[in-house]
């Protein structure tokens, strides 16, 4: 990735290798399709999605795709996340393993429900 400051999600994704671009485009499509009315933007130098409040973010690193769904979700998904590195509010999906798109879709749906109920 370049050191340039990105202003759009398109610019952000385009700054990565094609294999990573494809993954990020699919994650982006999941978020946009699952969340009518979501606002897409760059925040904290990464793709960020917002409804009433921040919904979810993602960021690419050399070794993994980080998904940032908020502080509650990594605990909720327990066994489904056991093979991934997690910390408070962060799930890291390594590039060298298949990306669990179904799980990402479930996480986005859960976050939408949490925000609709205004639960954090």
Protein backbone atom coordinates (compact mmCIF):
# COMPACT_ATOMS: atom_id res chain seq x y z
CA UNK A 1 0.00 0.00 0.00
CA UNK A 2 1.20 3.49 -0.69
CA UNK A 3 1.70 6.13 1.97
CA UNK A 4 -0.87 8.39 0.31
CA UNK A 5 -3.91 9.36 2.31
CA UNK A 6 -6.96 7.65 0.82
CA UNK A 7 -10.20 9.60 0.56
CA UNK A 8 -12.48 6.91 -0.90
CA UNK A 9 -12.95 3.20 -0.41
CA UNK A 10 -12.23 2.70 -4.12
CA UNK A 11 -8.82 4.36 -3.69
CA UNK A 12 -8.11 2.31 -0.57
CA UNK A 13 -8.91 -1.01 -2.24
CA UNK A 14 -7.06 -0.09 -5.45
CA UNK A 15 -3.87 0.51 -3.47
CA UNK A 16 -3.52 -3.23 -2.69
CA UNK A 17 -2.53 -6.25 -4.81
CA UNK A 18 -5.29 -7.76 -6.99
CA UNK A 19 -5.80 -10.83 -4.77
CA UNK A 20 -6.42 -8.63 -1.73
CA UNK A 21 -8.56 -6.25 -3.78
CA UNK A 22 -10.87 -9.13 -4.70
CA UNK A 23 -11.32 -10.08 -1.05
CA UNK A 24 -11.98 -6.52 0.05
CA UNK A 25 -14.46 -5.96 -2.79
CA UNK A 26 -16.37 -9.06 -1.69
CA UNK A 27 -16.41 -7.91 1.96
CA UNK A 28 -17.53 -4.47 0.81
CA UNK A 29 -20.33 -6.01 -1.27
CA UNK A 30 -21.49 -8.07 1.72
CA UNK A 31 -21.67 -4.96 3.89
CA UNK A 32 -23.46 -2.84 1.28
CA UNK A 33 -25.96 -5.58 0.35
CA UNK A 34 -26.72 -6.39 3.99
CA UNK A 35 -27.20 -2.84 5.17
CA UNK A 36 -29.63 -0.56 3.33
CA UNK A 37 -28.89 3.07 4.10
CA UNK A 38 -25.33 2.43 5.25
CA UNK A 39 -22.86 5.27 4.80
CA UNK A 40 -19.53 4.21 3.30
CA UNK A 41 -16.49 6.35 3.98
CA UNK A 42 -12.86 6.34 4.98
CA UNK A 43 -12.40 6.80 8.72
CA UNK A 44 -9.31 6.03 10.77
CA UNK A 45 -7.56 5.47 7.40
CA UNK A 46 -9.71 2.43 6.54
CA UNK A 47 -13.05 1.60 4.93
CA UNK A 48 -15.74 2.40 7.48
CA UNK A 49 -19.47 1.83 7.44
CA UNK A 50 -21.98 3.70 9.56
CA UNK A 51 -25.70 3.55 10.32
CA UNK A 52 -26.67 5.49 13.43
CA UNK A 53 -23.16 4.88 14.70
CA UNK A 54 -20.14 3.00 13.39
CA UNK A 55 -21.24 -0.39 12.08
CA UNK A 56 -18.06 -2.13 10.95
CA UNK A 57 -14.65 -1.33 9.47
CA UNK A 58 -12.02 -3.35 7.67
CA UNK A 59 -8.36 -2.89 6.91
CA UNK A 60 -5.71 -4.82 5.04
CA UNK A 61 -2.27 -5.53 6.39
CA UNK A 62 0.56 -7.54 4.92
CA UNK A 63 -0.53 -10.70 6.78
CA UNK A 64 -4.29 -10.40 7.27
CA UNK A 65 -7.59 -8.66 6.70
CA UNK A 66 -8.77 -7.05 9.91
CA UNK A 67 -12.49 -6.75 10.57
CA UNK A 68 -13.57 -4.37 13.32
CA UNK A 69 -17.19 -5.08 14.33
CA UNK A 70 -17.19 -3.53 17.79
CA UNK A 71 -16.31 -4.81 21.20
CA UNK A 72 -19.09 -7.34 21.79
CA UNK A 73 -19.01 -9.54 18.72
CA UNK A 74 -15.76 -11.47 19.11
CA UNK A 75 -17.11 -12.87 22.39
CA UNK A 76 -20.50 -13.74 20.81
CA UNK A 77 -18.98 -15.80 17.99
CA UNK A 78 -16.66 -17.83 20.26
CA UNK A 79 -16.12 -21.22 18.57
CA UNK A 80 -16.59 -19.84 15.07
CA UNK A 81 -13.61 -17.54 15.64
CA UNK A 82 -11.31 -19.97 17.47
CA UNK A 83 -9.02 -20.46 14.47
CA UNK A 84 -8.54 -16.69 14.02
CA UNK A 85 -6.58 -14.15 15.98
CA UNK A 86 -9.01 -11.90 17.86
CA UNK A 87 -8.83 -9.15 20.41
CA UNK A 88 -11.33 -6.68 21.79
CA UNK A 89 -13.26 -5.48 18.74
CA UNK A 90 -10.93 -7.09 16.18
CA UNK A 91 -10.95 -10.25 14.09
CA UNK A 92 -7.95 -11.02 11.89
CA UNK A 93 -8.41 -13.26 8.85
CA UNK A 94 -5.02 -14.33 7.45
CA UNK A 95 -4.52 -14.01 3.72
CA UNK A 96 -3.13 -17.54 3.54
CA UNK A 97 -6.47 -19.14 4.58
CA UNK A 98 -9.87 -18.97 2.92
CA UNK A 99 -11.80 -15.87 4.00
CA UNK A 100 -15.02 -16.93 5.81
CA UNK A 101 -17.46 -14.74 3.88
CA UNK A 102 -20.48 -16.50 5.46
CA UNK A 103 -19.19 -15.59 8.91
CA UNK A 104 -18.53 -11.99 7.87
CA UNK A 105 -22.09 -11.79 6.56
CA UNK A 106 -23.43 -13.10 9.89
CA UNK A 107 -21.33 -10.60 11.82
CA UNK A 108 -22.56 -7.69 9.69
CA UNK A 109 -26.18 -8.83 10.16
CA UNK A 110 -25.69 -9.06 13.94
CA UNK A 111 -24.14 -5.59 14.04
CA UNK A 112 -27.07 -4.17 12.07
CA UNK A 113 -29.50 -5.71 14.59
CA UNK A 114 -27.45 -4.32 17.47
CA UNK A 115 -27.51 -0.82 16.02
CA UNK A 116 -31.20 -0.99 15.15
CA UNK A 117 -31.84 -1.87 18.77
CA UNK A 118 -29.25 0.73 19.77
CA UNK A 119 -27.38 -1.89 21.79
CA UNK A 120 -23.62 -1.75 22.05
